[in-house]
């Protein structure tokens, strides 16, 4: 498992609230240079980013980020705008409070509405594993499997914990085969990345690996 292969699975990410256009442009340039799966950037930069990279790079953005507690209508509007501005992939945060409250039908309905708003673009559902019990993670796997989403994603990277190999294995075991797994949050070394891939991750969300590749 070489570095080139690992980078091909990465969404090279910059979601810091103080990110500037110059910072974003560097991320885009590096993502193109190292042929990452995509660059994951804030929605406010999408239109400029699409004009900058053209078709040279897939662009990912985030919806309902990082808390997931926006109303469904707001998340749908965010998604429609993101797709219109050039997003190829959407990483949404599900309503964690609803999931923990047992409102599984509501959680499923919201994801389905965002799935429709994606207009065929890839949808990843962030479940924020560090805030869930194993039983709740398994419930989330079932819901995501029924929703039509393409990926289940461990974490935003903005809560109290990120991806763990144990959570990646749990998600891989409990989502249907057609749902892929994205590990994100705290992946800071090639060893971390390999551990996540070996545990079942199909995609990685990280800002560190390209920096390591540049050294």
N, C-alpha and C. Protein backbone atom coordinates (compact mmCIF):
# COMPACT_ATOMS: atom_id res chain seq x y z
N UNK A 1 0.86 -1.19 0.00
CA UNK A 1 0.00 0.00 0.00
C UNK A 1 0.91 1.24 0.00
N UNK A 2 1.09 1.86 -1.18
CA UNK A 2 2.02 2.98 -1.25
C UNK A 2 1.32 4.31 -1.05
N UNK A 3 2.13 5.36 -0.94
CA UNK A 3 1.57 6.68 -0.65
C UNK A 3 0.67 7.18 -1.77
N UNK A 4 1.03 6.89 -3.01
CA UNK A 4 0.20 7.34 -4.14
C UNK A 4 -1.19 6.75 -4.05
N UNK A 5 -1.27 5.47 -3.72
CA UNK A 5 -2.58 4.82 -3.58
C UNK A 5 -3.37 5.42 -2.42
N UNK A 6 -2.72 5.62 -1.30
CA UNK A 6 -3.42 6.21 -0.15
C UNK A 6 -3.95 7.59 -0.49
N UNK A 7 -3.15 8.41 -1.15
CA UNK A 7 -3.60 9.76 -1.52
C UNK A 7 -4.78 9.72 -2.48
N UNK A 8 -4.84 8.69 -3.32
CA UNK A 8 -5.96 8.58 -4.26
C UNK A 8 -7.29 8.32 -3.57
N UNK A 9 -7.24 7.93 -2.30
CA UNK A 9 -8.45 7.69 -1.50
C UNK A 9 -8.81 8.87 -0.62
N UNK A 10 -8.01 9.94 -0.67
CA UNK A 10 -8.17 11.05 0.27
C UNK A 10 -9.05 12.17 -0.29
N UNK A 11 -9.94 12.66 0.53
CA UNK A 11 -10.54 13.97 0.32
C UNK A 11 -9.63 14.96 1.06
N UNK A 12 -8.79 15.66 0.31
CA UNK A 12 -7.85 16.62 0.91
C UNK A 12 -8.66 17.79 1.44
N UNK A 13 -8.62 18.02 2.74
CA UNK A 13 -9.64 18.79 3.43
C UNK A 13 -9.10 20.07 4.06
N UNK A 14 -9.86 21.15 3.88
CA UNK A 14 -9.64 22.37 4.65
C UNK A 14 -11.01 22.96 4.97
N UNK A 15 -11.40 22.85 6.24
CA UNK A 15 -12.70 23.36 6.69
C UNK A 15 -12.55 24.32 7.87
N UNK A 16 -11.35 24.81 8.10
CA UNK A 16 -11.13 25.75 9.20
C UNK A 16 -11.94 27.02 8.98
N UNK A 17 -12.57 27.55 10.04
CA UNK A 17 -13.41 28.74 9.87
C UNK A 17 -12.63 29.98 9.45
N UNK A 18 -11.33 29.99 9.66
CA UNK A 18 -10.53 31.15 9.27
C UNK A 18 -9.79 30.93 7.95
N UNK A 19 -10.19 29.92 7.19
CA UNK A 19 -9.54 29.67 5.90
C UNK A 19 -9.81 30.83 4.94
N UNK A 20 -8.78 31.25 4.24
CA UNK A 20 -8.90 32.31 3.23
C UNK A 20 -8.88 31.69 1.84
N UNK A 21 -9.19 32.51 0.84
CA UNK A 21 -9.14 32.01 -0.53
C UNK A 21 -7.72 31.56 -0.88
N UNK A 22 -6.71 32.25 -0.41
CA UNK A 22 -5.34 31.82 -0.68
C UNK A 22 -5.08 30.43 -0.10
N UNK A 23 -5.61 30.18 1.10
CA UNK A 23 -5.47 28.85 1.71
C UNK A 23 -6.18 27.80 0.87
N UNK A 24 -7.39 28.12 0.44
CA UNK A 24 -8.17 27.17 -0.36
C UNK A 24 -7.47 26.89 -1.68
N UNK A 25 -6.93 27.91 -2.30
CA UNK A 25 -6.24 27.73 -3.59
C UNK A 25 -5.04 26.80 -3.43
N UNK A 26 -4.33 26.92 -2.32
CA UNK A 26 -3.22 26.00 -2.06
C UNK A 26 -3.71 24.57 -1.94
N UNK A 27 -4.81 24.38 -1.24
CA UNK A 27 -5.39 23.04 -1.11
C UNK A 27 -5.78 22.48 -2.48
N UNK A 28 -6.39 23.30 -3.30
CA UNK A 28 -6.78 22.85 -4.63
C UNK A 28 -5.56 22.47 -5.47
N UNK A 29 -4.54 23.32 -5.44
CA UNK A 29 -3.32 23.03 -6.19
C UNK A 29 -2.69 21.73 -5.72
N UNK A 30 -2.64 21.53 -4.41
CA UNK A 30 -2.03 20.32 -3.87
C UNK A 30 -2.86 19.08 -4.20
N UNK A 31 -4.18 19.22 -4.15
CA UNK A 31 -5.05 18.08 -4.47
C UNK A 31 -4.87 17.65 -5.92
N UNK A 32 -4.75 18.63 -6.82
CA UNK A 32 -4.49 18.30 -8.23
C UNK A 32 -3.10 17.65 -8.37
N UNK A 33 -2.12 18.25 -7.74
CA UNK A 33 -0.75 17.74 -7.86
C UNK A 33 -0.63 16.30 -7.39
N UNK A 34 -1.27 15.98 -6.25
CA UNK A 34 -1.12 14.64 -5.67
C UNK A 34 -2.26 13.70 -6.05
N UNK A 35 -3.15 14.16 -6.93
CA UNK A 35 -4.22 13.33 -7.48
C UNK A 35 -5.06 12.68 -6.38
N UNK A 36 -5.50 13.52 -5.44
CA UNK A 36 -6.40 13.02 -4.40
C UNK A 36 -7.80 12.79 -4.97
N UNK A 37 -8.62 12.07 -4.23
CA UNK A 37 -9.98 11.78 -4.70
C UNK A 37 -10.78 13.05 -4.91
N UNK A 38 -10.59 14.01 -4.00
CA UNK A 38 -11.27 15.30 -4.12
C UNK A 38 -10.59 16.28 -3.18
N UNK A 39 -11.02 17.54 -3.26
CA UNK A 39 -10.72 18.52 -2.22
C UNK A 39 -12.02 18.84 -1.52
N UNK A 40 -11.99 18.81 -0.19
CA UNK A 40 -13.18 19.09 0.61
C UNK A 40 -13.03 20.48 1.21
N UNK A 41 -13.91 21.39 0.79
CA UNK A 41 -13.77 22.81 1.15
C UNK A 41 -15.12 23.37 1.59
N UNK A 42 -15.12 24.52 2.28
CA UNK A 42 -16.38 25.13 2.70
C UNK A 42 -17.23 25.55 1.49
N UNK A 43 -18.55 25.53 1.65
CA UNK A 43 -19.42 25.83 0.52
C UNK A 43 -19.26 27.24 -0.04
N UNK A 44 -18.85 28.19 0.79
CA UNK A 44 -18.72 29.57 0.30
C UNK A 44 -17.63 29.72 -0.74
N UNK A 45 -16.72 28.75 -0.84
CA UNK A 45 -15.63 28.83 -1.81
C UNK A 45 -15.89 28.00 -3.07
N UNK A 46 -17.01 27.31 -3.13
CA UNK A 46 -17.22 26.35 -4.21
C UNK A 46 -17.19 26.99 -5.59
N UNK A 47 -17.93 28.07 -5.76
CA UNK A 47 -18.04 28.65 -7.09
C UNK A 47 -16.68 29.10 -7.60
N UNK A 48 -15.93 29.77 -6.75
CA UNK A 48 -14.59 30.21 -7.15
C UNK A 48 -13.67 29.02 -7.39
N UNK A 49 -13.81 27.99 -6.56
CA UNK A 49 -12.97 26.81 -6.72
C UNK A 49 -13.26 26.10 -8.03
N UNK A 50 -14.54 25.99 -8.38
CA UNK A 50 -14.89 25.33 -9.63
C UNK A 50 -14.33 26.11 -10.82
N UNK A 51 -14.43 27.42 -10.78
CA UNK A 51 -13.85 28.22 -11.86
C UNK A 51 -12.34 28.05 -11.92
N UNK A 52 -11.71 27.89 -10.77
CA UNK A 52 -10.25 27.79 -10.70
C UNK A 52 -9.73 26.46 -11.23
N UNK A 53 -10.38 25.33 -10.82
CA UNK A 53 -9.85 24.02 -11.19
C UNK A 53 -10.49 23.44 -12.44
N UNK A 54 -11.62 24.00 -12.88
CA UNK A 54 -12.31 23.42 -14.02
C UNK A 54 -12.69 21.98 -13.75
N UNK A 55 -12.34 21.10 -14.68
CA UNK A 55 -12.65 19.67 -14.52
C UNK A 55 -11.46 18.86 -14.01
N UNK A 56 -10.45 19.55 -13.52
CA UNK A 56 -9.22 18.86 -13.10
C UNK A 56 -9.34 18.17 -11.75
N UNK A 57 -10.40 18.45 -11.00
CA UNK A 57 -10.48 17.97 -9.62
C UNK A 57 -11.93 17.87 -9.18
N UNK A 58 -12.26 16.81 -8.47
CA UNK A 58 -13.57 16.69 -7.83
C UNK A 58 -13.60 17.60 -6.60
N UNK A 59 -14.75 18.24 -6.39
CA UNK A 59 -14.93 19.10 -5.23
C UNK A 59 -15.99 18.53 -4.31
N UNK A 60 -15.63 18.44 -3.03
CA UNK A 60 -16.55 18.01 -1.98
C UNK A 60 -16.84 19.22 -1.08
N UNK A 61 -18.07 19.30 -0.58
CA UNK A 61 -18.37 20.31 0.42
C UNK A 61 -19.25 19.70 1.51
N UNK A 62 -19.52 20.50 2.53
CA UNK A 62 -20.23 20.00 3.71
C UNK A 62 -21.58 20.70 3.87
N UNK A 63 -22.52 19.95 4.41
CA UNK A 63 -23.90 20.42 4.60
C UNK A 63 -24.31 20.16 6.06
N UNK A 64 -24.97 21.15 6.68
CA UNK A 64 -25.37 20.96 8.08
C UNK A 64 -24.17 20.81 8.98
N UNK A 65 -23.10 21.46 8.63
CA UNK A 65 -21.81 21.23 9.29
C UNK A 65 -21.55 22.29 10.36
N UNK A 66 -20.97 21.91 11.51
CA UNK A 66 -20.58 20.55 11.90
C UNK A 66 -21.56 19.87 12.87
N UNK A 67 -22.67 20.52 13.18
CA UNK A 67 -23.54 20.01 14.25
C UNK A 67 -24.67 19.11 13.77
N UNK A 68 -25.16 19.33 12.56
CA UNK A 68 -26.26 18.54 12.04
C UNK A 68 -27.63 18.96 12.49
N UNK A 69 -27.72 20.01 13.33
CA UNK A 69 -29.05 20.32 13.90
C UNK A 69 -29.81 21.42 13.15
N UNK A 70 -29.36 21.80 11.97
CA UNK A 70 -30.16 22.69 11.13
C UNK A 70 -31.44 21.97 10.69
N UNK A 71 -32.45 22.75 10.34
CA UNK A 71 -33.68 22.11 9.86
C UNK A 71 -33.44 21.46 8.51
N UNK A 72 -34.29 20.50 8.20
CA UNK A 72 -34.15 19.78 6.93
C UNK A 72 -34.24 20.73 5.75
N UNK A 73 -35.16 21.68 5.81
CA UNK A 73 -35.32 22.59 4.68
C UNK A 73 -34.06 23.41 4.44
N UNK A 74 -33.39 23.79 5.51
CA UNK A 74 -32.13 24.53 5.38
C UNK A 74 -31.06 23.64 4.75
N UNK A 75 -30.97 22.41 5.20
CA UNK A 75 -29.98 21.49 4.64
C UNK A 75 -30.24 21.23 3.15
N UNK A 76 -31.51 21.07 2.80
CA UNK A 76 -31.85 20.86 1.40
C UNK A 76 -31.45 22.08 0.57
N UNK A 77 -31.74 23.27 1.08
CA UNK A 77 -31.37 24.49 0.36
C UNK A 77 -29.85 24.59 0.21
N UNK A 78 -29.12 24.27 1.28
CA UNK A 78 -27.65 24.26 1.22
C UNK A 78 -27.17 23.31 0.12
N UNK A 79 -27.79 22.14 0.06
CA UNK A 79 -27.38 21.13 -0.91
C UNK A 79 -27.64 21.60 -2.34
N UNK A 80 -28.80 22.14 -2.57
CA UNK A 80 -29.13 22.63 -3.91
C UNK A 80 -28.15 23.72 -4.34
N UNK A 81 -27.82 24.63 -3.42
CA UNK A 81 -26.88 25.69 -3.74
C UNK A 81 -25.49 25.10 -4.01
N UNK A 82 -25.07 24.14 -3.21
CA UNK A 82 -23.75 23.54 -3.38
C UNK A 82 -23.63 22.85 -4.73
N UNK A 83 -24.64 22.11 -5.10
CA UNK A 83 -24.62 21.43 -6.40
C UNK A 83 -24.58 22.47 -7.53
N UNK A 84 -25.37 23.51 -7.38
CA UNK A 84 -25.38 24.57 -8.38
C UNK A 84 -24.05 25.29 -8.50
N UNK A 85 -23.32 25.37 -7.39
CA UNK A 85 -22.03 26.06 -7.38
C UNK A 85 -20.87 25.16 -7.80
N UNK A 86 -21.16 23.88 -8.05
CA UNK A 86 -20.12 23.02 -8.59
C UNK A 86 -19.66 21.85 -7.76
N UNK A 87 -20.35 21.54 -6.67
CA UNK A 87 -19.95 20.40 -5.85
C UNK A 87 -20.18 19.08 -6.59
N UNK A 88 -19.20 18.20 -6.50
CA UNK A 88 -19.34 16.84 -7.02
C UNK A 88 -19.80 15.87 -5.95
N UNK A 89 -19.48 16.18 -4.69
CA UNK A 89 -19.79 15.30 -3.58
C UNK A 89 -20.26 16.13 -2.39
N UNK A 90 -21.22 15.59 -1.68
CA UNK A 90 -21.82 16.27 -0.53
C UNK A 90 -21.60 15.43 0.72
N UNK A 91 -21.00 16.04 1.75
CA UNK A 91 -20.84 15.38 3.05
C UNK A 91 -21.78 16.07 4.03
N UNK A 92 -22.88 15.42 4.37
CA UNK A 92 -23.89 16.00 5.26
C UNK A 92 -23.77 15.42 6.65
N UNK A 93 -24.11 16.23 7.66
CA UNK A 93 -24.19 15.74 9.03
C UNK A 93 -25.65 15.41 9.33
N UNK A 94 -25.90 14.17 9.73
CA UNK A 94 -27.29 13.83 10.06
C UNK A 94 -27.69 14.50 11.37
N UNK A 95 -28.97 14.47 11.66
CA UNK A 95 -29.47 15.07 12.89
C UNK A 95 -29.17 14.11 14.05
N UNK A 96 -28.08 14.37 14.73
CA UNK A 96 -27.60 13.47 15.78
C UNK A 96 -28.59 13.39 16.93
N UNK A 97 -29.17 14.53 17.30
CA UNK A 97 -30.14 14.52 18.38
C UNK A 97 -31.36 13.67 18.06
N UNK A 98 -31.84 13.77 16.82
CA UNK A 98 -32.97 12.92 16.42
C UNK A 98 -32.60 11.45 16.47
N UNK A 99 -31.40 11.11 16.01
CA UNK A 99 -30.98 9.71 16.05
C UNK A 99 -30.93 9.21 17.49
N UNK A 100 -30.36 10.00 18.39
CA UNK A 100 -30.24 9.58 19.79
C UNK A 100 -31.60 9.57 20.49
N UNK A 101 -32.56 10.31 19.95
CA UNK A 101 -33.91 10.33 20.52
C UNK A 101 -34.80 9.23 19.97
N UNK A 102 -34.25 8.41 19.07
CA UNK A 102 -35.02 7.31 18.50
C UNK A 102 -35.92 7.71 17.36
N UNK A 103 -35.73 8.91 16.82
CA UNK A 103 -36.57 9.39 15.71
C UNK A 103 -35.98 8.93 14.38
N UNK A 104 -35.95 7.63 14.20
CA UNK A 104 -35.25 7.07 13.05
C UNK A 104 -35.95 7.39 11.74
N UNK A 105 -37.26 7.44 11.74
CA UNK A 105 -37.98 7.78 10.51
C UNK A 105 -37.67 9.20 10.07
N UNK A 106 -37.56 10.11 11.03
CA UNK A 106 -37.24 11.49 10.72
C UNK A 106 -35.82 11.61 10.14
N UNK A 107 -34.89 10.89 10.74
CA UNK A 107 -33.51 10.91 10.24
C UNK A 107 -33.46 10.36 8.82
N UNK A 108 -34.16 9.27 8.58
CA UNK A 108 -34.18 8.67 7.25
C UNK A 108 -34.81 9.61 6.23
N UNK A 109 -35.92 10.23 6.59
CA UNK A 109 -36.59 11.14 5.67
C UNK A 109 -35.68 12.31 5.29
N UNK A 110 -34.97 12.86 6.27
CA UNK A 110 -34.08 13.97 5.97
C UNK A 110 -32.99 13.56 4.98
N UNK A 111 -32.37 12.42 5.22
CA UNK A 111 -31.31 11.98 4.30
C UNK A 111 -31.87 11.76 2.90
N UNK A 112 -33.07 11.18 2.82
CA UNK A 112 -33.68 10.97 1.50
C UNK A 112 -33.93 12.29 0.79
N UNK A 113 -34.36 13.31 1.52
CA UNK A 113 -34.59 14.61 0.89
C UNK A 113 -33.28 15.21 0.39
N UNK A 114 -32.23 15.05 1.16
CA UNK A 114 -30.93 15.58 0.72
C UNK A 114 -30.40 14.74 -0.43
N UNK A 115 -30.63 13.45 -0.38
CA UNK A 115 -30.25 12.58 -1.52
C UNK A 115 -30.87 13.10 -2.81
N UNK A 116 -32.16 13.44 -2.76
CA UNK A 116 -32.84 13.96 -3.95
C UNK A 116 -32.24 15.29 -4.38
N UNK A 117 -31.91 16.15 -3.41
CA UNK A 117 -31.34 17.46 -3.74
C UNK A 117 -29.95 17.34 -4.34
N UNK A 118 -29.27 16.23 -4.11
CA UNK A 118 -27.92 16.03 -4.67
C UNK A 118 -27.94 15.86 -6.19
N UNK A 119 -29.09 15.53 -6.74
CA UNK A 119 -29.23 15.42 -8.19
C UNK A 119 -28.20 14.47 -8.80
N UNK A 120 -28.01 13.35 -8.14
CA UNK A 120 -27.10 12.33 -8.66
C UNK A 120 -25.67 12.45 -8.19
N UNK A 121 -25.32 13.52 -7.47
CA UNK A 121 -23.98 13.64 -6.93
C UNK A 121 -23.78 12.68 -5.76
N UNK A 122 -22.54 12.37 -5.46
CA UNK A 122 -22.23 11.45 -4.36
C UNK A 122 -22.63 12.08 -3.03
N UNK A 123 -23.29 11.29 -2.18
CA UNK A 123 -23.70 11.75 -0.85
C UNK A 123 -23.05 10.90 0.22
N UNK A 124 -22.39 11.57 1.16
CA UNK A 124 -21.80 10.91 2.33
C UNK A 124 -22.53 11.43 3.57
N UNK A 125 -22.85 10.53 4.48
CA UNK A 125 -23.59 10.90 5.69
C UNK A 125 -22.67 10.77 6.89
N UNK A 126 -22.41 11.91 7.54
CA UNK A 126 -21.56 11.94 8.73
C UNK A 126 -22.42 11.63 9.95
N UNK A 127 -22.03 10.62 10.72
CA UNK A 127 -22.85 10.23 11.87
C UNK A 127 -22.24 10.64 13.20
N UNK A 128 -21.03 11.15 13.20
CA UNK A 128 -20.32 11.60 14.42
C UNK A 128 -20.25 10.48 15.45
N UNK A 129 -19.44 9.47 15.14
CA UNK A 129 -19.37 8.25 15.95
C UNK A 129 -19.01 8.52 17.41
N UNK A 130 -18.20 9.55 17.67
CA UNK A 130 -17.77 9.79 19.04
C UNK A 130 -18.92 10.18 19.97
N UNK A 131 -20.07 10.54 19.40
CA UNK A 131 -21.23 10.92 20.21
C UNK A 131 -22.27 9.81 20.32
N UNK A 132 -21.99 8.66 19.72
CA UNK A 132 -22.98 7.58 19.64
C UNK A 132 -22.53 6.33 20.38
N UNK A 133 -23.50 5.61 20.90
CA UNK A 133 -23.23 4.26 21.41
C UNK A 133 -23.09 3.32 20.22
N UNK A 134 -22.57 2.13 20.46
CA UNK A 134 -22.47 1.15 19.38
C UNK A 134 -23.85 0.83 18.80
N UNK A 135 -24.85 0.73 19.66
CA UNK A 135 -26.21 0.44 19.17
C UNK A 135 -26.69 1.56 18.26
N UNK A 136 -26.40 2.80 18.63
CA UNK A 136 -26.80 3.94 17.79
C UNK A 136 -26.03 3.97 16.47
N UNK A 137 -24.77 3.58 16.52
CA UNK A 137 -24.00 3.48 15.27
C UNK A 137 -24.62 2.45 14.33
N UNK A 138 -25.04 1.34 14.90
CA UNK A 138 -25.66 0.29 14.08
C UNK A 138 -27.00 0.77 13.52
N UNK A 139 -27.77 1.49 14.32
CA UNK A 139 -29.00 2.09 13.81
C UNK A 139 -28.69 3.04 12.65
N UNK A 140 -27.64 3.84 12.80
CA UNK A 140 -27.26 4.77 11.74
C UNK A 140 -26.87 4.01 10.48
N UNK A 141 -26.17 2.91 10.62
CA UNK A 141 -25.81 2.10 9.46
C UNK A 141 -27.05 1.63 8.70
N UNK A 142 -28.04 1.18 9.43
CA UNK A 142 -29.27 0.72 8.76
C UNK A 142 -29.95 1.87 8.04
N UNK A 143 -30.05 3.01 8.72
CA UNK A 143 -30.73 4.17 8.12
C UNK A 143 -30.00 4.63 6.86
N UNK A 144 -28.70 4.75 6.95
CA UNK A 144 -27.93 5.18 5.78
C UNK A 144 -28.07 4.17 4.65
N UNK A 145 -28.09 2.90 4.99
CA UNK A 145 -28.27 1.86 3.98
C UNK A 145 -29.59 1.97 3.25
N UNK A 146 -30.63 2.39 3.96
CA UNK A 146 -31.96 2.52 3.36
C UNK A 146 -32.15 3.84 2.62
N UNK A 147 -31.27 4.80 2.85
CA UNK A 147 -31.51 6.17 2.40
C UNK A 147 -31.15 6.43 0.95
N UNK A 148 -30.31 5.57 0.38
CA UNK A 148 -29.80 5.83 -0.95
C UNK A 148 -28.47 6.57 -0.96
N UNK A 149 -27.94 6.89 0.22
CA UNK A 149 -26.63 7.55 0.30
C UNK A 149 -25.53 6.60 -0.17
N UNK A 150 -24.42 7.19 -0.57
CA UNK A 150 -23.31 6.41 -1.11
C UNK A 150 -22.29 6.01 -0.06
N UNK A 151 -22.12 6.84 0.97
CA UNK A 151 -21.12 6.60 2.02
C UNK A 151 -21.73 6.86 3.38
N UNK A 152 -21.19 6.17 4.37
CA UNK A 152 -21.35 6.55 5.77
C UNK A 152 -19.97 7.05 6.23
N UNK A 153 -19.95 8.15 6.97
CA UNK A 153 -18.70 8.80 7.34
C UNK A 153 -18.64 8.92 8.86
N UNK A 154 -17.47 8.67 9.41
CA UNK A 154 -17.36 8.58 10.86
C UNK A 154 -17.59 9.90 11.57
N UNK A 155 -16.97 10.99 11.07
CA UNK A 155 -16.78 12.15 11.94
C UNK A 155 -16.66 13.45 11.15
N UNK A 156 -16.95 14.54 11.84
CA UNK A 156 -16.70 15.86 11.27
C UNK A 156 -15.26 16.31 11.49
N UNK A 157 -14.64 15.81 12.54
CA UNK A 157 -13.35 16.32 12.95
C UNK A 157 -13.46 17.54 13.85
N UNK A 158 -14.72 17.95 14.16
CA UNK A 158 -14.94 19.14 14.98
C UNK A 158 -15.57 18.80 16.33
N UNK A 159 -15.74 17.51 16.63
CA UNK A 159 -16.33 17.12 17.90
C UNK A 159 -15.22 16.60 18.82
N UNK A 160 -15.58 15.80 19.79
CA UNK A 160 -14.61 15.40 20.81
C UNK A 160 -13.75 14.20 20.42
N UNK A 161 -13.99 13.65 19.25
CA UNK A 161 -13.19 12.53 18.78
C UNK A 161 -13.34 12.38 17.28
N UNK A 162 -12.40 11.63 16.68
CA UNK A 162 -12.43 11.40 15.25
C UNK A 162 -12.59 9.93 14.93
N UNK A 163 -12.06 9.54 13.79
CA UNK A 163 -12.19 8.15 13.35
C UNK A 163 -11.33 7.23 14.19
N UNK A 164 -11.84 6.03 14.43
CA UNK A 164 -11.05 4.95 15.03
C UNK A 164 -11.19 3.72 14.15
N UNK A 165 -10.18 2.88 14.19
CA UNK A 165 -10.23 1.65 13.41
C UNK A 165 -11.40 0.78 13.86
N UNK A 166 -11.69 0.80 15.16
CA UNK A 166 -12.80 -0.01 15.67
C UNK A 166 -14.13 0.46 15.10
N UNK A 167 -14.32 1.76 15.02
CA UNK A 167 -15.57 2.28 14.44
C UNK A 167 -15.66 1.98 12.95
N UNK A 168 -14.54 2.10 12.25
CA UNK A 168 -14.57 1.78 10.82
C UNK A 168 -14.97 0.33 10.61
N UNK A 169 -14.42 -0.58 11.40
CA UNK A 169 -14.79 -2.00 11.29
C UNK A 169 -16.27 -2.20 11.59
N UNK A 170 -16.76 -1.52 12.63
CA UNK A 170 -18.17 -1.66 13.00
C UNK A 170 -19.08 -1.17 11.87
N UNK A 171 -18.74 -0.03 11.27
CA UNK A 171 -19.57 0.49 10.18
C UNK A 171 -19.52 -0.45 8.98
N UNK A 172 -18.32 -0.92 8.65
CA UNK A 172 -18.19 -1.81 7.49
C UNK A 172 -19.01 -3.08 7.66
N UNK A 173 -19.06 -3.59 8.88
CA UNK A 173 -19.81 -4.81 9.15
C UNK A 173 -21.32 -4.60 9.10
N UNK A 174 -21.78 -3.37 9.29
CA UNK A 174 -23.21 -3.15 9.47
C UNK A 174 -23.89 -2.34 8.38
N UNK A 175 -23.13 -1.80 7.42
CA UNK A 175 -23.79 -1.17 6.27
C UNK A 175 -23.87 -2.18 5.14
N UNK A 176 -24.86 -2.04 4.25
CA UNK A 176 -24.92 -2.92 3.08
C UNK A 176 -23.69 -2.76 2.21
N UNK A 177 -23.46 -3.74 1.36
CA UNK A 177 -22.26 -3.75 0.53
C UNK A 177 -22.17 -2.54 -0.39
N UNK A 178 -23.32 -1.98 -0.78
CA UNK A 178 -23.30 -0.85 -1.72
C UNK A 178 -22.92 0.46 -1.04
N UNK A 179 -22.89 0.50 0.28
CA UNK A 179 -22.53 1.71 1.01
C UNK A 179 -21.05 1.65 1.37
N UNK A 180 -20.32 2.70 1.00
CA UNK A 180 -18.90 2.77 1.32
C UNK A 180 -18.69 3.49 2.65
N UNK A 181 -17.48 3.38 3.18
CA UNK A 181 -17.15 3.94 4.48
C UNK A 181 -16.06 4.99 4.31
N UNK A 182 -16.30 6.18 4.87
CA UNK A 182 -15.27 7.22 4.90
C UNK A 182 -14.85 7.46 6.34
N UNK A 183 -13.55 7.39 6.58
CA UNK A 183 -12.99 7.68 7.89
C UNK A 183 -12.43 9.09 7.87
N UNK A 184 -12.76 9.88 8.87
CA UNK A 184 -12.28 11.26 8.93
C UNK A 184 -12.10 11.68 10.38
N UNK A 185 -11.15 12.58 10.58
CA UNK A 185 -10.90 13.09 11.92
C UNK A 185 -9.73 12.39 12.58
N UNK A 186 -8.61 13.09 12.72
CA UNK A 186 -7.48 12.55 13.46
C UNK A 186 -6.56 11.64 12.67
N UNK A 187 -6.70 11.61 11.35
CA UNK A 187 -5.80 10.80 10.52
C UNK A 187 -4.58 11.66 10.20
N UNK A 188 -3.50 11.42 10.90
CA UNK A 188 -2.36 12.34 10.84
C UNK A 188 -1.06 11.70 10.35
N UNK A 189 -1.10 10.42 10.05
CA UNK A 189 0.12 9.74 9.61
C UNK A 189 -0.24 8.69 8.57
N UNK A 190 0.79 8.22 7.83
CA UNK A 190 0.57 7.14 6.88
C UNK A 190 0.10 5.88 7.61
N UNK A 191 0.60 5.69 8.82
CA UNK A 191 0.19 4.51 9.60
C UNK A 191 -1.29 4.60 9.97
N UNK A 192 -1.74 5.80 10.38
CA UNK A 192 -3.17 5.99 10.66
C UNK A 192 -3.99 5.64 9.42
N UNK A 193 -3.55 6.15 8.28
CA UNK A 193 -4.30 5.93 7.04
C UNK A 193 -4.38 4.45 6.70
N UNK A 194 -3.26 3.77 6.79
CA UNK A 194 -3.25 2.33 6.47
C UNK A 194 -4.14 1.55 7.42
N UNK A 195 -4.13 1.94 8.68
CA UNK A 195 -4.99 1.26 9.65
C UNK A 195 -6.46 1.42 9.30
N UNK A 196 -6.85 2.61 8.87
CA UNK A 196 -8.25 2.84 8.49
C UNK A 196 -8.62 2.05 7.24
N UNK A 197 -7.75 2.04 6.26
CA UNK A 197 -8.03 1.30 5.03
C UNK A 197 -8.13 -0.20 5.30
N UNK A 198 -7.20 -0.70 6.09
CA UNK A 198 -7.22 -2.13 6.43
C UNK A 198 -8.45 -2.51 7.24
N UNK A 199 -9.03 -1.54 7.95
CA UNK A 199 -10.23 -1.79 8.74
C UNK A 199 -11.51 -1.70 7.91
N UNK A 200 -11.39 -1.21 6.67
CA UNK A 200 -12.55 -1.19 5.79
C UNK A 200 -12.91 0.15 5.20
N UNK A 201 -12.09 1.18 5.41
CA UNK A 201 -12.40 2.50 4.86
C UNK A 201 -12.13 2.53 3.36
N UNK A 202 -13.07 3.10 2.62
CA UNK A 202 -12.91 3.30 1.19
C UNK A 202 -12.42 4.70 0.84
N UNK A 203 -12.60 5.62 1.76
CA UNK A 203 -12.21 7.01 1.55
C UNK A 203 -11.72 7.57 2.89
N UNK A 204 -10.80 8.52 2.82
CA UNK A 204 -10.24 9.16 4.00
C UNK A 204 -10.45 10.66 3.90
N UNK A 205 -10.85 11.29 4.99
CA UNK A 205 -10.90 12.74 5.08
C UNK A 205 -9.74 13.20 5.94
N UNK A 206 -8.83 13.98 5.35
CA UNK A 206 -7.63 14.34 6.09
C UNK A 206 -6.98 15.58 5.48
N UNK A 207 -6.35 16.34 6.31
CA UNK A 207 -5.55 17.47 5.83
C UNK A 207 -4.06 17.21 5.97
N UNK A 208 -3.69 16.15 6.67
CA UNK A 208 -2.30 15.94 7.04
C UNK A 208 -1.48 15.20 6.00
N UNK A 209 -2.09 14.30 5.24
CA UNK A 209 -1.30 13.40 4.41
C UNK A 209 -0.62 14.12 3.25
N UNK A 210 -1.31 15.08 2.66
CA UNK A 210 -0.66 15.84 1.59
C UNK A 210 0.52 16.63 2.15
N UNK A 211 0.36 17.17 3.35
CA UNK A 211 1.49 17.88 3.97
C UNK A 211 2.68 16.94 4.16
N UNK A 212 2.41 15.71 4.57
CA UNK A 212 3.49 14.75 4.71
C UNK A 212 4.13 14.43 3.36
N UNK A 213 3.31 14.32 2.33
CA UNK A 213 3.82 14.00 0.99
C UNK A 213 4.71 15.12 0.44
N UNK A 214 4.46 16.33 0.91
CA UNK A 214 5.23 17.50 0.42
C UNK A 214 6.57 17.62 1.12
N UNK A 215 6.77 16.89 2.20
CA UNK A 215 8.02 17.04 2.96
C UNK A 215 9.20 16.38 2.25
